[in-house]
């Protein structure tokens, strides 16, 4: 049974079009280690390896482990709605939105 973190890693990997082998190569982790993170319950990630996986996937460790935004109370109601909708999108759509925001920020 996949854990929430394992599901997020798997979804992000597939959204990037990476196989287990490709993510292993890009992150410097073994294929079996990534498979275990995606499929074992509970996963036991190393902080360093999880950081390298997040970097290879173009995301953050916080996203992979599902850390909630700490300052949600400070957000406007419409921003809370946006983040709730954003969090429910598949990783590929989230990545597209991040790229759009990066273009506006330049």
N, C-alpha and C. Protein backbone atom coordinates (compact mmCIF):
# COMPACT_ATOMS: atom_id res chain seq x y z
N UNK A 1 0.84 -1.18 0.00
CA UNK A 1 0.00 0.00 0.00
C UNK A 1 0.89 1.24 0.00
N UNK A 2 0.64 2.15 -0.92
CA UNK A 2 1.42 3.36 -1.05
C UNK A 2 1.08 4.34 0.06
N UNK A 3 2.09 4.98 0.61
CA UNK A 3 1.89 6.02 1.62
C UNK A 3 1.65 7.34 0.90
N UNK A 4 1.14 8.36 1.61
CA UNK A 4 0.96 9.66 0.95
C UNK A 4 2.27 10.20 0.34
N UNK A 5 3.38 10.08 1.08
CA UNK A 5 4.64 10.56 0.54
C UNK A 5 5.05 9.73 -0.68
N UNK A 6 4.91 8.42 -0.58
CA UNK A 6 5.25 7.56 -1.71
C UNK A 6 4.42 7.88 -2.93
N UNK A 7 3.16 8.17 -2.71
CA UNK A 7 2.28 8.54 -3.82
C UNK A 7 2.70 9.86 -4.45
N UNK A 8 3.14 10.82 -3.62
CA UNK A 8 3.60 12.11 -4.16
C UNK A 8 4.89 11.93 -4.97
N UNK A 9 5.80 11.11 -4.48
CA UNK A 9 7.04 10.86 -5.23
C UNK A 9 6.70 10.18 -6.56
N UNK A 10 5.86 9.16 -6.50
CA UNK A 10 5.47 8.43 -7.70
C UNK A 10 4.78 9.35 -8.71
N UNK A 11 3.85 10.18 -8.24
CA UNK A 11 3.13 11.08 -9.14
C UNK A 11 4.07 12.11 -9.76
N UNK A 12 4.98 12.65 -8.96
CA UNK A 12 5.93 13.64 -9.48
C UNK A 12 6.88 12.99 -10.50
N UNK A 13 7.31 11.79 -10.21
CA UNK A 13 8.19 11.06 -11.13
C UNK A 13 7.49 10.83 -12.46
N UNK A 14 6.26 10.36 -12.40
CA UNK A 14 5.51 10.08 -13.63
C UNK A 14 5.17 11.36 -14.38
N UNK A 15 4.89 12.45 -13.64
CA UNK A 15 4.60 13.73 -14.30
C UNK A 15 5.82 14.23 -15.08
N UNK A 16 7.00 13.93 -14.58
CA UNK A 16 8.24 14.30 -15.29
C UNK A 16 8.57 13.31 -16.41
N UNK A 17 7.84 12.20 -16.44
CA UNK A 17 8.09 11.18 -17.46
C UNK A 17 9.31 10.32 -17.16
N UNK A 18 9.71 10.27 -15.88
CA UNK A 18 10.89 9.50 -15.48
C UNK A 18 10.50 8.07 -15.12
N UNK A 19 11.34 7.14 -15.50
CA UNK A 19 11.23 5.78 -15.00
C UNK A 19 11.95 5.74 -13.66
N UNK A 20 11.81 4.63 -12.95
CA UNK A 20 12.58 4.49 -11.70
C UNK A 20 14.07 4.59 -11.97
N UNK A 21 14.52 3.97 -13.05
CA UNK A 21 15.94 4.03 -13.41
C UNK A 21 16.41 5.46 -13.68
N UNK A 22 15.60 6.22 -14.40
CA UNK A 22 15.98 7.60 -14.72
C UNK A 22 16.05 8.47 -13.47
N UNK A 23 15.05 8.34 -12.59
CA UNK A 23 15.08 9.13 -11.36
C UNK A 23 16.25 8.71 -10.49
N UNK A 24 16.54 7.42 -10.45
CA UNK A 24 17.68 6.94 -9.68
C UNK A 24 18.97 7.57 -10.19
N UNK A 25 19.13 7.60 -11.49
CA UNK A 25 20.35 8.18 -12.07
C UNK A 25 20.44 9.68 -11.79
N UNK A 26 19.32 10.40 -11.96
CA UNK A 26 19.33 11.85 -11.77
C UNK A 26 19.51 12.25 -10.31
N UNK A 27 19.05 11.40 -9.40
CA UNK A 27 19.12 11.74 -7.98
C UNK A 27 20.31 11.15 -7.25
N UNK A 28 20.99 10.21 -7.91
CA UNK A 28 22.11 9.55 -7.25
C UNK A 28 21.69 8.51 -6.23
N UNK A 29 20.45 8.08 -6.31
CA UNK A 29 19.93 7.04 -5.41
C UNK A 29 19.78 5.74 -6.21
N UNK A 30 19.61 4.66 -5.51
CA UNK A 30 19.40 3.40 -6.23
C UNK A 30 17.93 3.26 -6.62
N UNK A 31 17.71 2.50 -7.66
CA UNK A 31 16.34 2.23 -8.12
C UNK A 31 15.53 1.57 -7.00
N UNK A 32 16.13 0.65 -6.29
CA UNK A 32 15.41 -0.06 -5.22
C UNK A 32 15.05 0.89 -4.08
N UNK A 33 15.91 1.87 -3.80
CA UNK A 33 15.63 2.84 -2.73
C UNK A 33 14.40 3.67 -3.09
N UNK A 34 14.35 4.14 -4.33
CA UNK A 34 13.20 4.93 -4.76
C UNK A 34 11.94 4.08 -4.77
N UNK A 35 12.06 2.83 -5.23
CA UNK A 35 10.90 1.93 -5.22
C UNK A 35 10.38 1.76 -3.79
N UNK A 36 11.29 1.59 -2.85
CA UNK A 36 10.88 1.43 -1.45
C UNK A 36 10.18 2.67 -0.91
N UNK A 37 10.69 3.86 -1.27
CA UNK A 37 10.03 5.09 -0.83
C UNK A 37 8.61 5.17 -1.40
N UNK A 38 8.46 4.76 -2.64
CA UNK A 38 7.16 4.82 -3.29
C UNK A 38 6.19 3.76 -2.78
N UNK A 39 6.70 2.62 -2.33
CA UNK A 39 5.82 1.48 -2.07
C UNK A 39 5.82 0.92 -0.66
N UNK A 40 6.85 1.14 0.13
CA UNK A 40 6.89 0.55 1.48
C UNK A 40 6.14 1.43 2.46
N UNK A 41 5.55 0.79 3.43
CA UNK A 41 4.81 1.50 4.45
C UNK A 41 5.32 1.10 5.83
N UNK A 42 5.89 1.98 6.60
CA UNK A 42 6.16 3.38 6.28
C UNK A 42 7.50 3.52 5.57
N UNK A 43 7.62 4.56 4.74
CA UNK A 43 8.91 4.80 4.10
C UNK A 43 9.88 5.34 5.14
N UNK A 44 11.15 5.11 4.96
CA UNK A 44 12.17 5.59 5.89
C UNK A 44 13.23 6.35 5.09
N UNK A 45 12.89 7.57 4.67
CA UNK A 45 13.82 8.30 3.82
C UNK A 45 14.97 8.94 4.59
N UNK A 46 16.10 8.98 3.96
CA UNK A 46 17.24 9.76 4.44
C UNK A 46 17.00 11.19 3.97
N UNK A 47 17.29 12.17 4.83
CA UNK A 47 17.07 13.58 4.47
C UNK A 47 17.88 13.96 3.23
N UNK A 48 19.13 13.52 3.17
CA UNK A 48 19.98 13.86 2.02
C UNK A 48 19.45 13.25 0.73
N UNK A 49 19.04 11.99 0.80
CA UNK A 49 18.55 11.33 -0.41
C UNK A 49 17.21 11.92 -0.84
N UNK A 50 16.35 12.23 0.12
CA UNK A 50 15.06 12.83 -0.21
C UNK A 50 15.28 14.20 -0.86
N UNK A 51 16.26 14.95 -0.37
CA UNK A 51 16.58 16.25 -0.98
C UNK A 51 17.07 16.08 -2.41
N UNK A 52 17.88 15.06 -2.68
CA UNK A 52 18.37 14.85 -4.04
C UNK A 52 17.24 14.38 -4.97
N UNK A 53 16.30 13.62 -4.44
CA UNK A 53 15.15 13.19 -5.23
C UNK A 53 14.27 14.40 -5.55
N UNK A 54 14.02 15.24 -4.55
CA UNK A 54 13.21 16.45 -4.76
C UNK A 54 13.86 17.34 -5.82
N UNK A 55 15.17 17.51 -5.74
CA UNK A 55 15.87 18.34 -6.73
C UNK A 55 15.74 17.75 -8.12
N UNK A 56 15.92 16.45 -8.25
CA UNK A 56 15.79 15.79 -9.55
C UNK A 56 14.38 15.93 -10.12
N UNK A 57 13.39 16.00 -9.24
CA UNK A 57 12.00 16.14 -9.67
C UNK A 57 11.58 17.60 -9.84
N UNK A 58 12.47 18.52 -9.50
CA UNK A 58 12.15 19.94 -9.64
C UNK A 58 11.14 20.42 -8.61
N UNK A 59 11.21 19.86 -7.41
CA UNK A 59 10.29 20.25 -6.36
C UNK A 59 11.06 20.39 -5.05
N UNK A 60 10.37 20.43 -3.94
CA UNK A 60 11.02 20.56 -2.64
C UNK A 60 10.69 19.36 -1.77
N UNK A 61 11.49 19.16 -0.75
CA UNK A 61 11.22 18.09 0.22
C UNK A 61 9.87 18.34 0.89
N UNK A 62 9.57 19.60 1.20
CA UNK A 62 8.29 19.93 1.83
C UNK A 62 7.11 19.42 1.02
N UNK A 63 7.19 19.58 -0.29
CA UNK A 63 6.10 19.12 -1.16
C UNK A 63 6.02 17.60 -1.11
N UNK A 64 7.17 16.93 -1.18
CA UNK A 64 7.16 15.46 -1.19
C UNK A 64 6.64 14.87 0.11
N UNK A 65 6.98 15.47 1.24
CA UNK A 65 6.52 14.92 2.51
C UNK A 65 5.17 15.48 2.93
N UNK A 66 4.68 16.49 2.19
CA UNK A 66 3.35 17.01 2.46
C UNK A 66 3.28 17.99 3.61
N UNK A 67 4.36 18.75 3.84
CA UNK A 67 4.36 19.74 4.91
C UNK A 67 3.39 20.86 4.55
N UNK A 68 2.46 21.17 5.44
CA UNK A 68 1.51 22.25 5.14
C UNK A 68 2.20 23.62 5.21
N UNK A 69 1.62 24.58 4.55
CA UNK A 69 2.12 25.95 4.60
C UNK A 69 1.95 26.46 6.02
N UNK A 70 3.00 27.02 6.61
CA UNK A 70 2.96 27.45 8.00
C UNK A 70 2.18 28.72 8.25
N UNK A 71 2.15 29.60 7.29
CA UNK A 71 1.52 30.90 7.52
C UNK A 71 0.16 31.02 6.84
N UNK A 72 -0.58 29.96 6.77
CA UNK A 72 -1.89 29.97 6.13
C UNK A 72 -2.83 30.97 6.78
N UNK A 73 -2.70 31.16 8.08
CA UNK A 73 -3.58 32.09 8.79
C UNK A 73 -3.40 33.52 8.28
N UNK A 74 -2.23 33.83 7.73
CA UNK A 74 -1.96 35.17 7.24
C UNK A 74 -2.47 35.41 5.81
N UNK A 75 -2.91 34.35 5.15
CA UNK A 75 -3.36 34.48 3.77
C UNK A 75 -4.78 35.04 3.69
N UNK A 76 -5.05 35.73 2.59
CA UNK A 76 -6.40 36.20 2.30
C UNK A 76 -7.25 34.97 1.97
N UNK A 77 -8.57 35.06 2.18
CA UNK A 77 -9.43 33.91 1.89
C UNK A 77 -9.30 33.40 0.45
N UNK A 78 -9.19 34.31 -0.52
CA UNK A 78 -9.08 33.88 -1.91
C UNK A 78 -7.75 33.16 -2.17
N UNK A 79 -6.70 33.52 -1.42
CA UNK A 79 -5.42 32.82 -1.56
C UNK A 79 -5.50 31.42 -0.96
N UNK A 80 -6.24 31.28 0.13
CA UNK A 80 -6.43 29.96 0.72
C UNK A 80 -7.16 29.04 -0.26
N UNK A 81 -8.16 29.59 -0.94
CA UNK A 81 -8.90 28.81 -1.94
C UNK A 81 -7.96 28.41 -3.08
N UNK A 82 -7.12 29.37 -3.53
CA UNK A 82 -6.17 29.06 -4.60
C UNK A 82 -5.25 27.92 -4.19
N UNK A 83 -4.65 28.00 -3.00
CA UNK A 83 -3.71 26.97 -2.57
C UNK A 83 -4.40 25.63 -2.37
N UNK A 84 -5.64 25.65 -1.92
CA UNK A 84 -6.37 24.39 -1.77
C UNK A 84 -6.60 23.75 -3.15
N UNK A 85 -6.99 24.57 -4.12
CA UNK A 85 -7.18 24.05 -5.49
C UNK A 85 -5.86 23.59 -6.08
N UNK A 86 -4.81 24.40 -5.89
CA UNK A 86 -3.48 24.06 -6.41
C UNK A 86 -3.00 22.74 -5.83
N UNK A 87 -3.19 22.54 -4.53
CA UNK A 87 -2.75 21.30 -3.88
C UNK A 87 -3.46 20.08 -4.43
N UNK A 88 -4.67 20.25 -4.94
CA UNK A 88 -5.44 19.14 -5.47
C UNK A 88 -5.12 18.79 -6.91
N UNK A 89 -4.31 19.63 -7.57
CA UNK A 89 -3.96 19.37 -8.97
C UNK A 89 -2.92 18.27 -9.06
N UNK A 90 -2.88 17.61 -10.23
CA UNK A 90 -1.83 16.62 -10.42
C UNK A 90 -0.49 17.35 -10.55
N UNK A 91 0.62 16.69 -10.24
CA UNK A 91 1.93 17.36 -10.25
C UNK A 91 2.31 18.01 -11.57
N UNK A 92 1.88 17.47 -12.67
CA UNK A 92 2.21 18.06 -13.98
C UNK A 92 1.56 19.44 -14.11
N UNK A 93 0.31 19.56 -13.69
CA UNK A 93 -0.36 20.86 -13.75
C UNK A 93 0.24 21.84 -12.75
N UNK A 94 0.62 21.36 -11.57
CA UNK A 94 1.29 22.21 -10.60
C UNK A 94 2.59 22.74 -11.19
N UNK A 95 3.34 21.89 -11.87
CA UNK A 95 4.60 22.29 -12.48
C UNK A 95 4.36 23.36 -13.54
N UNK A 96 3.31 23.21 -14.34
CA UNK A 96 2.98 24.20 -15.37
C UNK A 96 2.68 25.54 -14.73
N UNK A 97 1.92 25.54 -13.65
CA UNK A 97 1.58 26.79 -12.97
C UNK A 97 2.84 27.43 -12.39
N UNK A 98 3.73 26.64 -11.80
CA UNK A 98 4.99 27.19 -11.27
C UNK A 98 5.80 27.85 -12.37
N UNK A 99 5.87 27.21 -13.53
CA UNK A 99 6.62 27.77 -14.66
C UNK A 99 6.00 29.08 -15.13
N UNK A 100 4.67 29.14 -15.15
CA UNK A 100 3.99 30.38 -15.54
C UNK A 100 4.33 31.50 -14.56
N UNK A 101 4.31 31.21 -13.28
CA UNK A 101 4.62 32.21 -12.27
C UNK A 101 6.07 32.67 -12.40
N UNK A 102 6.97 31.72 -12.67
CA UNK A 102 8.38 32.08 -12.85
C UNK A 102 8.55 33.03 -14.04
N UNK A 103 7.78 32.84 -15.10
CA UNK A 103 7.86 33.73 -16.26
C UNK A 103 7.39 35.14 -15.90
N UNK A 104 6.36 35.25 -15.08
CA UNK A 104 5.85 36.56 -14.67
C UNK A 104 6.82 37.26 -13.73
N UNK A 105 7.59 36.47 -13.00
CA UNK A 105 8.47 37.03 -11.98
C UNK A 105 9.74 37.65 -12.56
N UNK A 106 10.06 37.30 -13.80
CA UNK A 106 11.31 37.81 -14.40
C UNK A 106 11.25 39.27 -14.76
